[in-house]
Amino acid sequence: AYGLLSVNTPDDVLQRPDGWRAMGA
C-alpha cells in the first residue's frame, strides 16, 4: 500500500526512501 500510495504523493511532502538501505536491511 505504501508503494501504491506514494505514486500520487507530491514530492515536496514525501521523503523518498533509500532503496539500497532497504535491500541491505
mmCIF file of all heavy atoms, coordinates in Angstrom:
data_MODEL
# 
_entry.id   MODEL 
# 
loop_
_atom_site.group_PDB 
_atom_site.id 
_atom_site.type_symbol 
_atom_site.label_atom_id 
_atom_site.label_alt_id 
_atom_site.label_comp_id 
_atom_site.label_asym_id 
_atom_site.label_entity_id 
_atom_site.label_seq_id 
_atom_site.pdbx_PDB_ins_code 
_atom_site.Cartn_x 
_atom_site.Cartn_y 
_atom_site.Cartn_z 
_atom_site.occupancy 
_atom_site.B_iso_or_equiv 
_atom_site.pdbx_formal_charge 
_atom_site.auth_seq_id 
_atom_site.auth_comp_id 
_atom_site.auth_asym_id 
_atom_site.auth_atom_id 
_atom_site.pdbx_PDB_model_num 
ATOM 1   N N   . ALA A 1 1  ? 0.835  -1.210 0.000  1.00 0.00 ? 1  ALA A N   1 
ATOM 2   C CA  . ALA A 1 1  ? 0.000  0.000  0.000  1.00 0.00 ? 1  ALA A CA  1 
ATOM 3   C C   . ALA A 1 1  ? 0.865  1.253  0.000  1.00 0.00 ? 1  ALA A C   1 
ATOM 4   O O   . ALA A 1 1  ? 0.538  2.245  -0.670 1.00 0.00 ? 1  ALA A O   1 
ATOM 5   C CB  . ALA A 1 1  ? -0.927 -0.016 1.216  1.00 0.00 ? 1  ALA A CB  1 
ATOM 6   N N   . TYR A 1 2  ? 1.967  1.217  0.734  1.00 0.00 ? 2  TYR A N   1 
ATOM 7   C CA  . TYR A 1 2  ? 2.876  2.374  0.745  1.00 0.00 ? 2  TYR A CA  1 
ATOM 8   C C   . TYR A 1 2  ? 3.419  2.641  -0.657 1.00 0.00 ? 2  TYR A C   1 
ATOM 9   O O   . TYR A 1 2  ? 3.469  3.795  -1.113 1.00 0.00 ? 2  TYR A O   1 
ATOM 10  C CB  . TYR A 1 2  ? 4.027  2.109  1.713  1.00 0.00 ? 2  TYR A CB  1 
ATOM 11  C CG  . TYR A 1 2  ? 5.141  3.121  1.627  1.00 0.00 ? 2  TYR A CG  1 
ATOM 12  C CD1 . TYR A 1 2  ? 5.002  4.386  2.179  1.00 0.00 ? 2  TYR A CD1 1 
ATOM 13  C CD2 . TYR A 1 2  ? 6.335  2.820  0.980  1.00 0.00 ? 2  TYR A CD2 1 
ATOM 14  C CE1 . TYR A 1 2  ? 6.017  5.329  2.094  1.00 0.00 ? 2  TYR A CE1 1 
ATOM 15  C CE2 . TYR A 1 2  ? 7.352  3.749  0.885  1.00 0.00 ? 2  TYR A CE2 1 
ATOM 16  C CZ  . TYR A 1 2  ? 7.191  4.998  1.450  1.00 0.00 ? 2  TYR A CZ  1 
ATOM 17  O OH  . TYR A 1 2  ? 8.203  5.919  1.353  1.00 0.00 ? 2  TYR A OH  1 
ATOM 18  N N   . GLY A 1 3  ? 3.810  1.583  -1.351 1.00 0.00 ? 3  GLY A N   1 
ATOM 19  C CA  . GLY A 1 3  ? 4.333  1.768  -2.702 1.00 0.00 ? 3  GLY A CA  1 
ATOM 20  C C   . GLY A 1 3  ? 3.298  2.324  -3.658 1.00 0.00 ? 3  GLY A C   1 
ATOM 21  O O   . GLY A 1 3  ? 3.607  3.186  -4.485 1.00 0.00 ? 3  GLY A O   1 
ATOM 22  N N   . LEU A 1 4  ? 2.042  1.859  -3.537 1.00 0.00 ? 4  LEU A N   1 
ATOM 23  C CA  . LEU A 1 4  ? 0.991  2.336  -4.435 1.00 0.00 ? 4  LEU A CA  1 
ATOM 24  C C   . LEU A 1 4  ? 0.597  3.780  -4.129 1.00 0.00 ? 4  LEU A C   1 
ATOM 25  O O   . LEU A 1 4  ? 0.423  4.599  -5.039 1.00 0.00 ? 4  LEU A O   1 
ATOM 26  C CB  . LEU A 1 4  ? -0.236 1.422  -4.323 1.00 0.00 ? 4  LEU A CB  1 
ATOM 27  C CG  . LEU A 1 4  ? -0.034 -0.034 -4.794 1.00 0.00 ? 4  LEU A CG  1 
ATOM 28  C CD1 . LEU A 1 4  ? -1.293 -0.849 -4.527 1.00 0.00 ? 4  LEU A CD1 1 
ATOM 29  C CD2 . LEU A 1 4  ? 0.330  -0.082 -6.268 1.00 0.00 ? 4  LEU A CD2 1 
ATOM 30  N N   . LEU A 1 5  ? 0.453  4.116  -2.836 1.00 0.00 ? 5  LEU A N   1 
ATOM 31  C CA  . LEU A 1 5  ? 0.021  5.463  -2.474 1.00 0.00 ? 5  LEU A CA  1 
ATOM 32  C C   . LEU A 1 5  ? 1.116  6.504  -2.693 1.00 0.00 ? 5  LEU A C   1 
ATOM 33  O O   . LEU A 1 5  ? 0.821  7.679  -2.895 1.00 0.00 ? 5  LEU A O   1 
ATOM 34  C CB  . LEU A 1 5  ? -0.433 5.492  -1.012 1.00 0.00 ? 5  LEU A CB  1 
ATOM 35  C CG  . LEU A 1 5  ? -1.648 4.635  -0.653 1.00 0.00 ? 5  LEU A CG  1 
ATOM 36  C CD1 . LEU A 1 5  ? -2.010 4.798  0.815  1.00 0.00 ? 5  LEU A CD1 1 
ATOM 37  C CD2 . LEU A 1 5  ? -2.837 4.977  -1.525 1.00 0.00 ? 5  LEU A CD2 1 
ATOM 38  N N   . SER A 1 6  ? 2.367  6.083  -2.624 1.00 0.00 ? 6  SER A N   1 
ATOM 39  C CA  . SER A 1 6  ? 3.453  7.052  -2.810 1.00 0.00 ? 6  SER A CA  1 
ATOM 40  C C   . SER A 1 6  ? 3.509  7.596  -4.233 1.00 0.00 ? 6  SER A C   1 
ATOM 41  O O   . SER A 1 6  ? 4.096  8.652  -4.470 1.00 0.00 ? 6  SER A O   1 
ATOM 42  C CB  . SER A 1 6  ? 4.790  6.404  -2.444 1.00 0.00 ? 6  SER A CB  1 
ATOM 43  O OG  . SER A 1 6  ? 5.071  5.318  -3.322 1.00 0.00 ? 6  SER A OG  1 
ATOM 44  N N   . VAL A 1 7  ? 2.877  6.889  -5.194 1.00 0.00 ? 7  VAL A N   1 
ATOM 45  C CA  . VAL A 1 7  ? 2.900  7.343  -6.591 1.00 0.00 ? 7  VAL A CA  1 
ATOM 46  C C   . VAL A 1 7  ? 2.181  8.684  -6.721 1.00 0.00 ? 7  VAL A C   1 
ATOM 47  O O   . VAL A 1 7  ? 2.620  9.570  -7.462 1.00 0.00 ? 7  VAL A O   1 
ATOM 48  C CB  . VAL A 1 7  ? 2.253  6.276  -7.496 1.00 0.00 ? 7  VAL A CB  1 
ATOM 49  C CG1 . VAL A 1 7  ? 2.148  6.795  -8.927 1.00 0.00 ? 7  VAL A CG1 1 
ATOM 50  C CG2 . VAL A 1 7  ? 3.058  4.987  -7.451 1.00 0.00 ? 7  VAL A CG2 1 
ATOM 51  N N   . ASN A 1 8  ? 1.055  8.853  -5.988 1.00 0.00 ? 8  ASN A N   1 
ATOM 52  C CA  . ASN A 1 8  ? 0.270  10.089 -6.081 1.00 0.00 ? 8  ASN A CA  1 
ATOM 53  C C   . ASN A 1 8  ? 0.641  11.121 -5.029 1.00 0.00 ? 8  ASN A C   1 
ATOM 54  O O   . ASN A 1 8  ? -0.035 12.150 -4.918 1.00 0.00 ? 8  ASN A O   1 
ATOM 55  C CB  . ASN A 1 8  ? -1.223 9.761  -5.953 1.00 0.00 ? 8  ASN A CB  1 
ATOM 56  C CG  . ASN A 1 8  ? -1.729 8.930  -7.106 1.00 0.00 ? 8  ASN A CG  1 
ATOM 57  O OD1 . ASN A 1 8  ? -1.237 9.052  -8.225 1.00 0.00 ? 8  ASN A OD1 1 
ATOM 58  N ND2 . ASN A 1 8  ? -2.692 8.068  -6.837 1.00 0.00 ? 8  ASN A ND2 1 
ATOM 59  N N   . THR A 1 9  ? 1.657  10.865 -4.251 1.00 0.00 ? 9  THR A N   1 
ATOM 60  C CA  . THR A 1 9  ? 2.051  11.788 -3.194 1.00 0.00 ? 9  THR A CA  1 
ATOM 61  C C   . THR A 1 9  ? 3.032  12.818 -3.747 1.00 0.00 ? 9  THR A C   1 
ATOM 62  O O   . THR A 1 9  ? 4.020  12.449 -4.389 1.00 0.00 ? 9  THR A O   1 
ATOM 63  C CB  . THR A 1 9  ? 2.712  11.035 -2.028 1.00 0.00 ? 9  THR A CB  1 
ATOM 64  O OG1 . THR A 1 9  ? 1.820  10.000 -1.582 1.00 0.00 ? 9  THR A OG1 1 
ATOM 65  C CG2 . THR A 1 9  ? 3.004  11.972 -0.868 1.00 0.00 ? 9  THR A CG2 1 
ATOM 66  N N   . PRO A 1 10 ? 2.782  14.112 -3.534 1.00 0.00 ? 10 PRO A N   1 
ATOM 67  C CA  . PRO A 1 10 ? 3.705  15.135 -4.052 1.00 0.00 ? 10 PRO A CA  1 
ATOM 68  C C   . PRO A 1 10 ? 5.117  14.968 -3.490 1.00 0.00 ? 10 PRO A C   1 
ATOM 69  O O   . PRO A 1 10 ? 5.298  14.578 -2.324 1.00 0.00 ? 10 PRO A O   1 
ATOM 70  C CB  . PRO A 1 10 ? 3.071  16.451 -3.573 1.00 0.00 ? 10 PRO A CB  1 
ATOM 71  C CG  . PRO A 1 10 ? 1.631  16.122 -3.340 1.00 0.00 ? 10 PRO A CG  1 
ATOM 72  C CD  . PRO A 1 10 ? 1.608  14.694 -2.865 1.00 0.00 ? 10 PRO A CD  1 
ATOM 73  N N   . ASP A 1 11 ? 6.079  15.256 -4.315 1.00 0.00 ? 11 ASP A N   1 
ATOM 74  C CA  . ASP A 1 11 ? 7.473  15.095 -3.904 1.00 0.00 ? 11 ASP A CA  1 
ATOM 75  C C   . ASP A 1 11 ? 7.867  16.043 -2.782 1.00 0.00 ? 11 ASP A C   1 
ATOM 76  O O   . ASP A 1 11 ? 8.782  15.746 -2.009 1.00 0.00 ? 11 ASP A O   1 
ATOM 77  C CB  . ASP A 1 11 ? 8.401  15.310 -5.100 1.00 0.00 ? 11 ASP A CB  1 
ATOM 78  C CG  . ASP A 1 11 ? 8.262  14.200 -6.130 1.00 0.00 ? 11 ASP A CG  1 
ATOM 79  O OD1 . ASP A 1 11 ? 7.836  13.096 -5.748 1.00 0.00 ? 11 ASP A OD1 1 
ATOM 80  O OD2 . ASP A 1 11 ? 8.566  14.444 -7.315 1.00 0.00 ? 11 ASP A OD2 1 
ATOM 81  N N   . ASP A 1 12 ? 7.189  17.193 -2.680 1.00 0.00 ? 12 ASP A N   1 
ATOM 82  C CA  . ASP A 1 12 ? 7.590  18.155 -1.666 1.00 0.00 ? 12 ASP A CA  1 
ATOM 83  C C   . ASP A 1 12 ? 7.172  17.744 -0.259 1.00 0.00 ? 12 ASP A C   1 
ATOM 84  O O   . ASP A 1 12 ? 7.657  18.318 0.721  1.00 0.00 ? 12 ASP A O   1 
ATOM 85  C CB  . ASP A 1 12 ? 7.009  19.537 -1.984 1.00 0.00 ? 12 ASP A CB  1 
ATOM 86  C CG  . ASP A 1 12 ? 5.496  19.505 -2.108 1.00 0.00 ? 12 ASP A CG  1 
ATOM 87  O OD1 . ASP A 1 12 ? 4.938  18.395 -2.264 1.00 0.00 ? 12 ASP A OD1 1 
ATOM 88  O OD2 . ASP A 1 12 ? 4.876  20.575 -2.059 1.00 0.00 ? 12 ASP A OD2 1 
ATOM 89  N N   . VAL A 1 13 ? 6.277  16.750 -0.119 1.00 0.00 ? 13 VAL A N   1 
ATOM 90  C CA  . VAL A 1 13 ? 5.870  16.295 1.209  1.00 0.00 ? 13 VAL A CA  1 
ATOM 91  C C   . VAL A 1 13 ? 6.314  14.867 1.490  1.00 0.00 ? 13 VAL A C   1 
ATOM 92  O O   . VAL A 1 13 ? 6.139  14.373 2.605  1.00 0.00 ? 13 VAL A O   1 
ATOM 93  C CB  . VAL A 1 13 ? 4.341  16.382 1.383  1.00 0.00 ? 13 VAL A CB  1 
ATOM 94  C CG1 . VAL A 1 13 ? 3.862  17.811 1.259  1.00 0.00 ? 13 VAL A CG1 1 
ATOM 95  C CG2 . VAL A 1 13 ? 3.620  15.485 0.386  1.00 0.00 ? 13 VAL A CG2 1 
ATOM 96  N N   . LEU A 1 14 ? 6.850  14.202 0.485  1.00 0.00 ? 14 LEU A N   1 
ATOM 97  C CA  . LEU A 1 14 ? 7.246  12.804 0.650  1.00 0.00 ? 14 LEU A CA  1 
ATOM 98  C C   . LEU A 1 14 ? 8.753  12.689 0.717  1.00 0.00 ? 14 LEU A C   1 
ATOM 99  O O   . LEU A 1 14 ? 9.465  13.163 -0.168 1.00 0.00 ? 14 LEU A O   1 
ATOM 100 C CB  . LEU A 1 14 ? 6.720  11.961 -0.519 1.00 0.00 ? 14 LEU A CB  1 
ATOM 101 C CG  . LEU A 1 14 ? 7.117  10.477 -0.508 1.00 0.00 ? 14 LEU A CG  1 
ATOM 102 C CD1 . LEU A 1 14 ? 6.540  9.786  0.720  1.00 0.00 ? 14 LEU A CD1 1 
ATOM 103 C CD2 . LEU A 1 14 ? 6.644  9.791  -1.775 1.00 0.00 ? 14 LEU A CD2 1 
ATOM 104 N N   . GLN A 1 15 ? 9.217  12.074 1.779  1.00 0.00 ? 15 GLN A N   1 
ATOM 105 C CA  . GLN A 1 15 ? 10.646 11.798 1.908  1.00 0.00 ? 15 GLN A CA  1 
ATOM 106 C C   . GLN A 1 15 ? 10.928 10.456 1.251  1.00 0.00 ? 15 GLN A C   1 
ATOM 107 O O   . GLN A 1 15 ? 10.508 9.406  1.740  1.00 0.00 ? 15 GLN A O   1 
ATOM 108 C CB  . GLN A 1 15 ? 11.064 11.765 3.383  1.00 0.00 ? 15 GLN A CB  1 
ATOM 109 C CG  . GLN A 1 15 ? 12.561 11.597 3.588  1.00 0.00 ? 15 GLN A CG  1 
ATOM 110 C CD  . GLN A 1 15 ? 12.933 11.616 5.048  1.00 0.00 ? 15 GLN A CD  1 
ATOM 111 O OE1 . GLN A 1 15 ? 12.087 11.838 5.917  1.00 0.00 ? 15 GLN A OE1 1 
ATOM 112 N NE2 . GLN A 1 15 ? 14.190 11.377 5.349  1.00 0.00 ? 15 GLN A NE2 1 
ATOM 113 N N   . ARG A 1 16 ? 11.590 10.506 0.114  1.00 0.00 ? 16 ARG A N   1 
ATOM 114 C CA  . ARG A 1 16 ? 11.811 9.294  -0.654 1.00 0.00 ? 16 ARG A CA  1 
ATOM 115 C C   . ARG A 1 16 ? 12.730 8.328  0.093  1.00 0.00 ? 16 ARG A C   1 
ATOM 116 O O   . ARG A 1 16 ? 13.755 8.732  0.644  1.00 0.00 ? 16 ARG A O   1 
ATOM 117 C CB  . ARG A 1 16 ? 12.426 9.634  -2.014 1.00 0.00 ? 16 ARG A CB  1 
ATOM 118 C CG  . ARG A 1 16 ? 11.485 10.452 -2.900 1.00 0.00 ? 16 ARG A CG  1 
ATOM 119 C CD  . ARG A 1 16 ? 10.294 9.643  -3.331 1.00 0.00 ? 16 ARG A CD  1 
ATOM 120 N NE  . ARG A 1 16 ? 9.335  10.439 -4.106 1.00 0.00 ? 16 ARG A NE  1 
ATOM 121 C CZ  . ARG A 1 16 ? 8.186  9.970  -4.570 1.00 0.00 ? 16 ARG A CZ  1 
ATOM 122 N NH1 . ARG A 1 16 ? 7.854  8.723  -4.325 1.00 0.00 ? 16 ARG A NH1 1 
ATOM 123 N NH2 . ARG A 1 16 ? 7.374  10.756 -5.244 1.00 0.00 ? 16 ARG A NH2 1 
ATOM 124 N N   . PRO A 1 17 ? 12.373 7.023  0.108  1.00 0.00 ? 17 PRO A N   1 
ATOM 125 C CA  . PRO A 1 17 ? 13.210 6.048  0.822  1.00 0.00 ? 17 PRO A CA  1 
ATOM 126 C C   . PRO A 1 17 ? 14.464 5.707  0.039  1.00 0.00 ? 17 PRO A C   1 
ATOM 127 O O   . PRO A 1 17 ? 14.537 5.908  -1.180 1.00 0.00 ? 17 PRO A O   1 
ATOM 128 C CB  . PRO A 1 17 ? 12.283 4.833  0.949  1.00 0.00 ? 17 PRO A CB  1 
ATOM 129 C CG  . PRO A 1 17 ? 11.368 4.945  -0.224 1.00 0.00 ? 17 PRO A CG  1 
ATOM 130 C CD  . PRO A 1 17 ? 11.156 6.419  -0.447 1.00 0.00 ? 17 PRO A CD  1 
ATOM 131 N N   . ASP A 1 18 ? 15.431 5.184  0.759  1.00 0.00 ? 18 ASP A N   1 
ATOM 132 C CA  . ASP A 1 18 ? 16.675 4.729  0.151  1.00 0.00 ? 18 ASP A CA  1 
ATOM 133 C C   . ASP A 1 18 ? 16.527 3.232  -0.145 1.00 0.00 ? 18 ASP A C   1 
ATOM 134 O O   . ASP A 1 18 ? 16.511 2.398  0.764  1.00 0.00 ? 18 ASP A O   1 
ATOM 135 C CB  . ASP A 1 18 ? 17.843 4.976  1.113  1.00 0.00 ? 18 ASP A CB  1 
ATOM 136 C CG  . ASP A 1 18 ? 19.187 4.666  0.465  1.00 0.00 ? 18 ASP A CG  1 
ATOM 137 O OD1 . ASP A 1 18 ? 19.197 4.017  -0.608 1.00 0.00 ? 18 ASP A OD1 1 
ATOM 138 O OD2 . ASP A 1 18 ? 20.224 5.057  1.024  1.00 0.00 ? 18 ASP A OD2 1 
ATOM 139 N N   . GLY A 1 19 ? 16.385 2.899  -1.430 1.00 0.00 ? 19 GLY A N   1 
ATOM 140 C CA  . GLY A 1 19 ? 16.173 1.508  -1.813 1.00 0.00 ? 19 GLY A CA  1 
ATOM 141 C C   . GLY A 1 19 ? 17.317 0.595  -1.430 1.00 0.00 ? 19 GLY A C   1 
ATOM 142 O O   . GLY A 1 19 ? 17.108 -0.542 -0.985 1.00 0.00 ? 19 GLY A O   1 
ATOM 143 N N   . TRP A 1 20 ? 18.541 1.082  -1.557 1.00 0.00 ? 20 TRP A N   1 
ATOM 144 C CA  . TRP A 1 20 ? 19.696 0.260  -1.212 1.00 0.00 ? 20 TRP A CA  1 
ATOM 145 C C   . TRP A 1 20 ? 19.729 -0.032 0.291  1.00 0.00 ? 20 TRP A C   1 
ATOM 146 O O   . TRP A 1 20 ? 20.099 -1.130 0.710  1.00 0.00 ? 20 TRP A O   1 
ATOM 147 C CB  . TRP A 1 20 ? 20.980 0.954  -1.636 1.00 0.00 ? 20 TRP A CB  1 
ATOM 148 C CG  . TRP A 1 20 ? 21.171 0.986  -3.117 1.00 0.00 ? 20 TRP A CG  1 
ATOM 149 C CD1 . TRP A 1 20 ? 21.048 2.058  -3.951 1.00 0.00 ? 20 TRP A CD1 1 
ATOM 150 C CD2 . TRP A 1 20 ? 21.507 -0.132 -3.955 1.00 0.00 ? 20 TRP A CD2 1 
ATOM 151 N NE1 . TRP A 1 20 ? 21.276 1.699  -5.250 1.00 0.00 ? 20 TRP A NE1 1 
ATOM 152 C CE2 . TRP A 1 20 ? 21.569 0.362  -5.288 1.00 0.00 ? 20 TRP A CE2 1 
ATOM 153 C CE3 . TRP A 1 20 ? 21.751 -1.473 -3.712 1.00 0.00 ? 20 TRP A CE3 1 
ATOM 154 C CZ2 . TRP A 1 20 ? 21.864 -0.460 -6.363 1.00 0.00 ? 20 TRP A CZ2 1 
ATOM 155 C CZ3 . TRP A 1 20 ? 22.050 -2.311 -4.789 1.00 0.00 ? 20 TRP A CZ3 1 
ATOM 156 C CH2 . TRP A 1 20 ? 22.111 -1.800 -6.086 1.00 0.00 ? 20 TRP A CH2 1 
ATOM 157 N N   . ARG A 1 21 ? 19.317 0.947  1.081  1.00 0.00 ? 21 ARG A N   1 
ATOM 158 C CA  . ARG A 1 21 ? 19.282 0.732  2.521  1.00 0.00 ? 21 ARG A CA  1 
ATOM 159 C C   . ARG A 1 21 ? 18.248 -0.329 2.888  1.00 0.00 ? 21 ARG A C   1 
ATOM 160 O O   . ARG A 1 21 ? 18.498 -1.188 3.746  1.00 0.00 ? 21 ARG A O   1 
ATOM 161 C CB  . ARG A 1 21 ? 18.949 2.044  3.222  1.00 0.00 ? 21 ARG A CB  1 
ATOM 162 C CG  . ARG A 1 21 ? 18.958 1.952  4.741  1.00 0.00 ? 21 ARG A CG  1 
ATOM 163 C CD  . ARG A 1 21 ? 18.491 3.240  5.359  1.00 0.00 ? 21 ARG A CD  1 
ATOM 164 N NE  . ARG A 1 21 ? 18.460 3.166  6.810  1.00 0.00 ? 21 ARG A NE  1 
ATOM 165 C CZ  . ARG A 1 21 ? 17.851 4.049  7.589  1.00 0.00 ? 21 ARG A CZ  1 
ATOM 166 N NH1 . ARG A 1 21 ? 17.225 5.086  7.047  1.00 0.00 ? 21 ARG A NH1 1 
ATOM 167 N NH2 . ARG A 1 21 ? 17.866 3.910  8.896  1.00 0.00 ? 21 ARG A NH2 1 
ATOM 168 N N   . ALA A 1 22 ? 17.098 -0.289 2.228  1.00 0.00 ? 22 ALA A N   1 
ATOM 169 C CA  . ALA A 1 22 ? 16.060 -1.279 2.498  1.00 0.00 ? 22 ALA A CA  1 
ATOM 170 C C   . ALA A 1 22 ? 16.517 -2.678 2.091  1.00 0.00 ? 22 ALA A C   1 
ATOM 171 O O   . ALA A 1 22 ? 16.331 -3.653 2.839  1.00 0.00 ? 22 ALA A O   1 
ATOM 172 C CB  . ALA A 1 22 ? 14.774 -0.908 1.769  1.00 0.00 ? 22 ALA A CB  1 
ATOM 173 N N   . MET A 1 23 ? 17.127 -2.787 0.906  1.00 0.00 ? 23 MET A N   1 
ATOM 174 C CA  . MET A 1 23 ? 17.611 -4.094 0.466  1.00 0.00 ? 23 MET A CA  1 
ATOM 175 C C   . MET A 1 23 ? 18.722 -4.605 1.368  1.00 0.00 ? 23 MET A C   1 
ATOM 176 O O   . MET A 1 23 ? 18.808 -5.805 1.663  1.00 0.00 ? 23 MET A O   1 
ATOM 177 C CB  . MET A 1 23 ? 18.089 -4.012 -0.985 1.00 0.00 ? 23 MET A CB  1 
ATOM 178 C CG  . MET A 1 23 ? 16.961 -3.878 -1.993 1.00 0.00 ? 23 MET A CG  1 
ATOM 179 S SD  . MET A 1 23 ? 17.498 -4.026 -3.718 1.00 0.00 ? 23 MET A SD  1 
ATOM 180 C CE  . MET A 1 23 ? 18.458 -2.511 -3.897 1.00 0.00 ? 23 MET A CE  1 
ATOM 181 N N   . GLY A 1 24 ? 19.584 -3.704 1.847  1.00 0.00 ? 24 GLY A N   1 
ATOM 182 C CA  . GLY A 1 24 ? 20.639 -4.115 2.766  1.00 0.00 ? 24 GLY A CA  1 
ATOM 183 C C   . GLY A 1 24 ? 20.083 -4.623 4.082  1.00 0.00 ? 24 GLY A C   1 
ATOM 184 O O   . GLY A 1 24 ? 20.599 -5.596 4.663  1.00 0.00 ? 24 GLY A O   1 
ATOM 185 N N   . ALA A 1 25 ? 19.006 -3.967 4.571  1.00 0.00 ? 25 ALA A N   1 
ATOM 186 C CA  . ALA A 1 25 ? 18.392 -4.414 5.828  1.00 0.00 ? 25 ALA A CA  1 
ATOM 187 C C   . ALA A 1 25 ? 17.790 -5.805 5.674  1.00 0.00 ? 25 ALA A C   1 
ATOM 188 O O   . ALA A 1 25 ? 17.936 -6.666 6.555  1.00 0.00 ? 25 ALA A O   1 
ATOM 189 C CB  . ALA A 1 25 ? 17.323 -3.412 6.257  1.00 0.00 ? 25 ALA A CB  1 
# 
